[in-house]
Amino acid sequence: MTSLVRPDAAYHDSWQEAFEEFDHVFSDGSGQHGRVEGEFTRERFDAMVADRLAQADPATPLRPDWVHCTFLWIVEGPEFVGNLAIRHELTPYLLEQGGHVGYSVRPSRRRQGHARRALALALPVCQELGIDRVLVTCDVDNEASRRTIEANGGVQEDVREGKRRYWISV
């Protein structure tokens, strides 16, 4: 069954397989953007895990344009299935485009209900973080994500710059 876990080095092999499926491009909810050039070594992986864990801690200093974020991994048993990020607050950009929650599921595990379940599991975490209205966005042409958000109680507010903006009360 789909669950959410904190980033953990124990998922290294499965994460690496998913990263290959994403064609070495960091996916939504991963905390990084863009294509990775060169080998993503175990050392690099361990540093990434430590960084993702640290970003949830309000005591961790961040760049001025960043917000603290709780990163969770979507897993099924020992398999890494995808990424999920909960941003603790909204910058002007996140209010317009990114939202509180971002997620992605590895290509080979899509259309199996993982995103829907992961978003449902993330909502109580949002509430624990003091977020009582959760903003989730998706591209206007991403029907799978639209259905996922609406299945979790998302009410569309509007569309801005190609993004559907939904609010979910928790």
Protein backbone atom coordinates (compact mmCIF):
# COMPACT_ATOMS: atom_id res chain seq x y z
CA MET A 1 0.00 0.00 0.00
CA THR A 2 1.17 3.53 -0.77
CA SER A 3 2.69 5.42 2.14
CA LEU A 4 4.78 8.51 2.80
CA VAL A 5 8.20 8.34 4.46
CA ARG A 6 10.91 10.84 5.18
CA PRO A 7 13.80 10.67 2.70
CA ASP A 8 16.00 7.76 3.72
CA ALA A 9 19.23 6.31 2.35
CA ALA A 10 17.65 2.84 2.58
CA TYR A 11 15.74 3.67 -0.62
CA HIS A 12 18.90 4.42 -2.60
CA ASP A 13 18.65 1.65 -5.20
CA SER A 14 14.96 2.13 -5.86
CA TRP A 15 15.35 5.93 -5.94
CA GLN A 16 18.17 5.55 -8.47
CA GLU A 17 15.96 3.36 -10.68
CA ALA A 18 13.21 6.00 -10.55
CA PHE A 19 15.72 8.74 -11.31
CA GLU A 20 16.65 6.81 -14.46
CA GLU A 21 12.95 6.64 -15.38
CA PHE A 22 12.72 10.42 -14.95
CA ASP A 23 15.64 10.60 -17.43
CA HIS A 24 17.95 12.28 -14.89
CA VAL A 25 15.57 15.22 -14.49
CA PHE A 26 14.43 16.09 -10.98
CA SER A 27 10.67 15.80 -10.82
CA ASP A 28 8.01 17.89 -9.05
CA GLY A 29 8.21 17.58 -5.29
CA SER A 30 11.87 16.53 -5.35
CA GLY A 31 13.28 19.84 -4.20
CA GLN A 32 15.50 20.31 -7.23
CA HIS A 33 14.83 21.26 -10.79
CA GLY A 34 16.51 20.51 -14.04
CA ARG A 35 18.60 17.80 -15.54
CA VAL A 36 21.54 16.31 -13.68
CA GLU A 37 24.69 16.04 -15.69
CA GLY A 38 27.20 13.36 -14.82
CA GLU A 39 26.80 10.47 -12.44
CA PHE A 40 24.56 10.85 -9.42
CA THR A 41 26.89 9.09 -6.95
CA ARG A 42 26.01 7.57 -3.60
CA GLU A 43 27.82 10.48 -1.94
CA ARG A 44 25.66 12.94 -3.87
CA PHE A 45 22.54 10.96 -2.96
CA ASP A 46 23.40 10.94 0.76
CA ALA A 47 24.02 14.70 0.68
CA MET A 48 20.67 15.21 -1.05
CA VAL A 49 18.86 13.15 1.60
CA ALA A 50 20.50 15.16 4.40
CA ASP A 51 19.57 18.42 2.68
CA ARG A 52 15.92 17.37 2.22
CA LEU A 53 15.64 16.44 5.89
CA ALA A 54 17.26 19.70 7.03
CA GLN A 55 14.88 21.87 5.00
CA ALA A 56 11.95 20.82 7.20
CA ASP A 57 13.65 22.26 10.28
CA PRO A 58 12.71 25.93 10.86
CA ALA A 59 16.17 26.47 12.37
CA THR A 60 17.87 25.63 9.07
CA PRO A 61 18.96 28.80 7.26
CA LEU A 62 17.66 29.01 3.71
CA ARG A 63 18.19 31.28 0.74
CA PRO A 64 16.08 34.45 1.04
CA ASP A 65 13.66 33.37 -1.71
CA TRP A 66 13.08 29.86 -0.29
CA VAL A 67 10.66 28.56 2.35
CA HIS A 68 11.00 25.61 4.69
CA CYS A 69 9.69 22.45 3.17
CA THR A 70 8.88 18.96 4.40
CA PHE A 71 9.99 16.46 1.79
CA LEU A 72 8.37 13.04 1.81
CA TRP A 73 8.85 10.09 -0.45
CA ILE A 74 5.96 8.12 -1.86
CA VAL A 75 6.77 4.46 -1.36
CA GLU A 76 5.13 1.09 -1.63
CA GLY A 77 6.95 -1.29 0.68
CA PRO A 78 10.65 -1.10 -0.19
CA GLU A 79 10.04 0.66 -3.53
CA PHE A 80 10.45 4.39 -4.10
CA VAL A 81 7.41 5.49 -6.11
CA GLY A 82 7.69 9.26 -6.15
CA ASN A 83 8.33 12.63 -4.51
CA LEU A 84 6.11 14.89 -2.46
CA ALA A 85 6.94 18.30 -1.00
CA ILE A 86 4.96 20.36 1.50
CA ARG A 87 5.99 24.00 1.51
CA HIS A 88 5.39 25.52 4.94
CA GLU A 89 4.37 28.92 3.57
CA LEU A 90 3.77 30.62 0.25
CA THR A 91 5.98 33.14 -1.49
CA PRO A 92 4.34 35.30 -4.19
CA TYR A 93 5.54 32.78 -6.82
CA LEU A 94 4.21 29.78 -4.88
CA LEU A 95 0.88 31.55 -4.40
CA GLU A 96 0.60 32.04 -8.16
CA GLN A 97 2.17 28.85 -9.53
CA GLY A 98 3.57 26.29 -7.11
CA GLY A 99 1.23 25.91 -4.15
CA HIS A 100 1.86 24.24 -0.82
CA VAL A 101 2.10 20.69 -2.17
CA GLY A 102 3.98 19.38 -5.19
CA TYR A 103 4.33 15.74 -6.18
CA SER A 104 5.28 13.36 -8.93
CA VAL A 105 5.10 9.61 -9.48
CA ARG A 106 7.73 7.68 -11.41
CA PRO A 107 6.56 6.84 -14.93
CA SER A 108 6.30 3.06 -14.44
CA ARG A 109 4.00 3.49 -11.43
CA ARG A 110 1.56 6.06 -12.78
CA ARG A 111 -2.18 5.42 -13.14
CA GLN A 112 -2.15 3.15 -10.07
CA GLY A 113 -3.60 5.59 -7.49
CA HIS A 114 -0.29 6.50 -5.84
CA ALA A 115 -0.64 10.26 -6.34
CA ARG A 116 -4.22 10.30 -5.04
CA ARG A 117 -3.26 8.34 -1.93
CA ALA A 118 -0.08 10.38 -1.37
CA LEU A 119 -1.97 13.67 -1.50
CA ALA A 120 -4.55 12.29 0.93
CA LEU A 121 -1.76 11.26 3.31
CA ALA A 122 -0.08 14.67 2.97
CA LEU A 123 -3.13 16.66 4.08
CA PRO A 124 -2.90 15.70 7.79
CA VAL A 125 0.81 16.61 7.67
CA CYS A 126 -0.18 20.02 6.28
CA GLN A 127 -2.61 20.42 9.17
CA GLU A 128 0.13 19.51 11.69
CA LEU A 129 2.25 22.25 10.11
CA GLY A 130 -0.54 24.76 10.71
CA ILE A 131 -1.71 24.95 7.10
CA ASP A 132 -5.50 24.85 7.20
CA ARG A 133 -6.08 25.80 3.55
CA VAL A 134 -3.77 23.93 1.20
CA LEU A 135 -3.04 25.30 -2.27
CA VAL A 136 -2.31 22.66 -4.91
CA THR A 137 -1.71 23.54 -8.56
CA CYS A 138 -1.39 21.62 -11.80
CA ASP A 139 -0.88 22.38 -15.46
CA VAL A 140 -4.17 23.02 -17.27
CA ASP A 141 -3.56 20.01 -19.54
CA ASN A 142 -2.66 17.58 -16.72
CA GLU A 143 -5.94 15.69 -16.38
CA ALA A 144 -4.50 13.03 -14.08
CA SER A 145 -3.36 15.64 -11.56
CA ARG A 146 -6.65 17.53 -11.87
CA ARG A 147 -8.55 14.35 -10.98
CA THR A 148 -6.14 13.63 -8.11
CA ILE A 149 -6.63 17.08 -6.60
CA GLU A 150 -10.40 17.06 -7.03
CA ALA A 151 -10.65 13.55 -5.52
CA ASN A 152 -8.98 14.99 -2.42
CA GLY A 153 -11.48 17.82 -2.05
CA GLY A 154 -9.75 20.44 -4.17
CA VAL A 155 -11.95 23.33 -5.24
CA GLN A 156 -10.66 25.21 -8.25
CA GLU A 157 -10.26 28.93 -7.65
CA ASP A 158 -8.95 29.95 -11.07
CA VAL A 159 -6.32 29.45 -13.75
CA ARG A 160 -3.20 31.60 -13.79
CA GLU A 161 -0.46 31.42 -16.39
CA GLY A 162 -1.38 27.89 -17.45
CA LYS A 163 -1.86 26.54 -13.90
CA ARG A 164 -5.12 25.43 -12.34
CA ARG A 165 -5.18 26.59 -8.69
CA TYR A 166 -7.09 24.51 -6.15
CA TRP A 167 -7.69 25.00 -2.43
CA ILE A 168 -8.27 22.08 -0.07
CA SER A 169 -9.54 22.76 3.46
CA VAL A 170 -8.07 20.47 6.10
